Amino acid sequence: QVQLVESGGGLVQAGGSLRLSCAPSGSIFSVGTMVWYRQVSGQQRDLVATITSGGSTNYAAAVKGRFTISRDNANNTMYLQMNSLKPEDTAVYYCKTNSAGRMYWGRGTQVPVSS
């Protein structure tokens, strides 16, 4: 069963940077919009950024100007460059996409930001 796999999370100090990656564990085709979400324990999962197959991007207000989403269509891989991290960015980060009418989620990668 193909799923998305996030990587690149880990403990970082406030003001630091991390780059998250999201890639499928197997072959998927005609991948549509790819999305990063984040979730703090006990709270709802919030949208962070989206990128269409054509490269159009959208960001949550809380991360605009600090985070950059990108993708490699040849490998169906997505990235999230996170700069100027703040303690309030601490969360589990998830990726999601759809392919041939099916939705795919990753299991998440933890990003703790220390003050």
C-alpha atoms as a PDB file:
ATOM      1  CA  GLN A   1       0.000   0.000   0.000  1.00  0.00           C
ATOM      2  CA  VAL A   2       1.579   3.257  -1.143  1.00  0.00           C
ATOM      3  CA  GLN A   3       1.722   6.019   1.404  1.00  0.00           C
ATOM      4  CA  LEU A   4       3.475   9.347   1.792  1.00  0.00           C
ATOM      5  CA  VAL A   5       6.576   9.530   3.961  1.00  0.00           C
ATOM      6  CA  GLU A   6       7.662  12.740   5.644  1.00  0.00           C
ATOM      7  CA  SER A   7      11.239  13.344   6.748  1.00  0.00           C
ATOM      8  CA  GLY A   8      13.473  16.146   7.970  1.00  0.00           C
ATOM      9  CA  GLY A   9      11.835  16.920  11.295  1.00  0.00           C
ATOM     10  CA  GLY A  10      13.716  17.277  14.551  1.00  0.00           C
ATOM     11  CA  LEU A  11      14.519  19.556  17.447  1.00  0.00           C
ATOM     12  CA  VAL A  12      15.566  23.064  16.428  1.00  0.00           C
ATOM     13  CA  GLN A  13      16.159  26.294  18.318  1.00  0.00           C
ATOM     14  CA  ALA A  14      14.017  29.343  17.768  1.00  0.00           C
ATOM     15  CA  GLY A  15      15.337  31.310  14.822  1.00  0.00           C
ATOM     16  CA  GLY A  16      16.678  28.192  13.147  1.00  0.00           C
ATOM     17  CA  SER A  17      15.708  26.427   9.932  1.00  0.00           C
ATOM     18  CA  LEU A  18      14.550  22.995   8.833  1.00  0.00           C
ATOM     19  CA  ARG A  19      13.650  21.474   5.498  1.00  0.00           C
ATOM     20  CA  LEU A  20      10.900  18.873   5.431  1.00  0.00           C
ATOM     21  CA  SER A  21      10.433  16.402   2.597  1.00  0.00           C
ATOM     22  CA  CYS A  22       7.431  14.327   1.564  1.00  0.00           C
ATOM     23  CA  ALA A  23       7.729  11.469  -0.906  1.00  0.00           C
ATOM     24  CA  PRO A  24       5.595   8.481  -1.858  1.00  0.00           C
ATOM     25  CA  SER A  25       6.744   5.048  -0.726  1.00  0.00           C
ATOM     26  CA  GLY A  26       5.888   3.631  -4.149  1.00  0.00           C
ATOM     27  CA  SER A  27       4.691   4.667  -7.570  1.00  0.00           C
ATOM     28  CA  ILE A  28       1.787   7.060  -7.866  1.00  0.00           C
ATOM     29  CA  PHE A  29       0.734   9.023 -10.941  1.00  0.00           C
ATOM     30  CA  SER A  30      -1.015  12.234 -11.880  1.00  0.00           C
ATOM     31  CA  VAL A  31      -0.389  13.772  -8.486  1.00  0.00           C
ATOM     32  CA  GLY A  32      -2.523  16.836  -7.884  1.00  0.00           C
ATOM     33  CA  THR A  33      -2.206  19.587  -5.335  1.00  0.00           C
ATOM     34  CA  MET A  34       0.175  18.761  -2.515  1.00  0.00           C
ATOM     35  CA  VAL A  35      -0.448  20.111   0.972  1.00  0.00           C
ATOM     36  CA  TRP A  36       1.401  20.505   4.263  1.00  0.00           C
ATOM     37  CA  TYR A  37      -0.597  20.459   7.486  1.00  0.00           C
ATOM     38  CA  ARG A  38       0.468  20.684  11.100  1.00  0.00           C
ATOM     39  CA  GLN A  39      -1.139  19.576  14.305  1.00  0.00           C
ATOM     40  CA  VAL A  40      -0.482  20.344  17.941  1.00  0.00           C
ATOM     41  CA  SER A  41      -1.524  17.602  20.339  1.00  0.00           C
ATOM     42  CA  GLY A  42      -5.171  18.005  21.287  1.00  0.00           C
ATOM     43  CA  GLN A  43      -5.859  20.582  18.599  1.00  0.00           C
ATOM     44  CA  GLN A  44      -7.184  20.422  15.057  1.00  0.00           C
ATOM     45  CA  ARG A  45      -4.949  19.829  12.075  1.00  0.00           C
ATOM     46  CA  ASP A  46      -4.225  23.162  10.392  1.00  0.00           C
ATOM     47  CA  LEU A  47      -3.272  23.862   6.808  1.00  0.00           C
ATOM     48  CA  VAL A  48       0.244  25.289   6.438  1.00  0.00           C
ATOM     49  CA  ALA A  49       0.831  25.554   2.692  1.00  0.00           C
ATOM     50  CA  THR A  50      -0.354  24.212  -0.640  1.00  0.00           C
ATOM     51  CA  ILE A  51       1.206  23.835  -4.058  1.00  0.00           C
ATOM     52  CA  THR A  52      -0.579  22.881  -7.260  1.00  0.00           C
ATOM     53  CA  SER A  53       0.896  20.693  -9.987  1.00  0.00           C
ATOM     54  CA  GLY A  54       1.558  23.903 -11.904  1.00  0.00           C
ATOM     55  CA  GLY A  55       3.501  25.426  -9.022  1.00  0.00           C
ATOM     56  CA  SER A  56       0.985  27.907  -7.630  1.00  0.00           C
ATOM     57  CA  THR A  57       1.396  28.283  -3.884  1.00  0.00           C
ATOM     58  CA  ASN A  58      -0.647  29.425  -0.937  1.00  0.00           C
ATOM     59  CA  TYR A  59       0.347  29.874   2.713  1.00  0.00           C
ATOM     60  CA  ALA A  60      -1.290  30.247   6.086  1.00  0.00           C
ATOM     61  CA  ALA A  61      -0.875  33.752   7.465  1.00  0.00           C
ATOM     62  CA  ALA A  62       1.155  32.443  10.397  1.00  0.00           C
ATOM     63  CA  VAL A  63       3.951  31.122   8.145  1.00  0.00           C
ATOM     64  CA  LYS A  64       3.859  33.487   5.182  1.00  0.00           C
ATOM     65  CA  GLY A  65       7.273  35.005   4.536  1.00  0.00           C
ATOM     66  CA  ARG A  66       9.062  32.355   6.631  1.00  0.00           C
ATOM     67  CA  PHE A  67       8.106  29.051   4.989  1.00  0.00           C
ATOM     68  CA  THR A  68       8.511  28.073   1.340  1.00  0.00           C
ATOM     69  CA  ILE A  69       6.744  25.130  -0.277  1.00  0.00           C
ATOM     70  CA  SER A  70       8.116  23.501  -3.424  1.00  0.00           C
ATOM     71  CA  ARG A  71       7.777  20.264  -5.356  1.00  0.00           C
ATOM     72  CA  ASP A  72       9.592  18.020  -7.781  1.00  0.00           C
ATOM     73  CA  ASN A  73       6.980  16.725 -10.203  1.00  0.00           C
ATOM     74  CA  ALA A  74       9.352  14.161 -11.716  1.00  0.00           C
ATOM     75  CA  ASN A  75       9.557  12.373  -8.357  1.00  0.00           C
ATOM     76  CA  ASN A  76       6.208  13.451  -6.863  1.00  0.00           C
ATOM     77  CA  THR A  77       8.156  14.892  -3.949  1.00  0.00           C
ATOM     78  CA  MET A  78       7.300  17.984  -1.957  1.00  0.00           C
ATOM     79  CA  TYR A  79       9.392  20.146   0.339  1.00  0.00           C
ATOM     80  CA  LEU A  80       8.810  22.708   3.055  1.00  0.00           C
ATOM     81  CA  GLN A  81      11.684  25.064   3.812  1.00  0.00           C
ATOM     82  CA  MET A  82      11.056  26.546   7.240  1.00  0.00           C
ATOM     83  CA  ASN A  83      13.092  29.567   8.304  1.00  0.00           C
ATOM     84  CA  SER A  84      12.980  31.833  11.353  1.00  0.00           C
ATOM     85  CA  LEU A  85      11.232  29.103  13.318  1.00  0.00           C
ATOM     86  CA  LYS A  86       9.287  30.071  16.398  1.00  0.00           C
ATOM     87  CA  PRO A  87       8.216  27.991  19.415  1.00  0.00           C
ATOM     88  CA  GLU A  88       4.626  28.289  18.182  1.00  0.00           C
ATOM     89  CA  ASP A  89       5.644  26.366  15.046  1.00  0.00           C
ATOM     90  CA  THR A  90       6.076  23.296  17.244  1.00  0.00           C
ATOM     91  CA  ALA A  91       3.789  20.582  15.856  1.00  0.00           C
ATOM     92  CA  VAL A  92       3.635  17.336  13.955  1.00  0.00           C
ATOM     93  CA  TYR A  93       3.799  18.139  10.241  1.00  0.00           C
ATOM     94  CA  TYR A  94       1.821  16.024   7.774  1.00  0.00           C
ATOM     95  CA  CYS A  95       1.699  15.939   3.995  1.00  0.00           C
ATOM     96  CA  LYS A  96      -1.253  15.071   1.827  1.00  0.00           C
ATOM     97  CA  THR A  97      -1.960  14.695  -1.859  1.00  0.00           C
ATOM     98  CA  ASN A  98      -4.353  13.018  -4.246  1.00  0.00           C
ATOM     99  CA  SER A  99      -3.695  10.777  -7.197  1.00  0.00           C
ATOM    100  CA  ALA A 100      -6.195   9.175  -9.564  1.00  0.00           C
ATOM    101  CA  GLY A 101      -9.077  10.010  -7.234  1.00  0.00           C
ATOM    102  CA  ARG A 102      -7.411   8.614  -4.133  1.00  0.00           C
ATOM    103  CA  MET A 103      -6.165  10.670  -1.171  1.00  0.00           C
ATOM    104  CA  TYR A 104      -2.808   9.959   0.421  1.00  0.00           C
ATOM    105  CA  TRP A 105      -1.563  11.079   3.840  1.00  0.00           C
ATOM    106  CA  GLY A 106       1.770  10.729   5.563  1.00  0.00           C
ATOM    107  CA  ARG A 107       2.230   9.676   9.178  1.00  0.00           C
ATOM    108  CA  GLY A 108       3.836  12.939  10.179  1.00  0.00           C
ATOM    109  CA  THR A 109       7.198  14.228  11.325  1.00  0.00           C
ATOM    110  CA  GLN A 110       7.723  16.044  14.608  1.00  0.00           C
ATOM    111  CA  VAL A 111       9.139  19.544  14.720  1.00  0.00           C
ATOM    112  CA  PRO A 112       9.822  20.772  18.253  1.00  0.00           C
ATOM    113  CA  VAL A 113      11.119  24.353  18.398  1.00  0.00           C
ATOM    114  CA  SER A 114      12.838  25.340  21.627  1.00  0.00           C
ATOM    115  CA  SER A 115      12.854  28.912  22.926  1.00  0.00           C
END
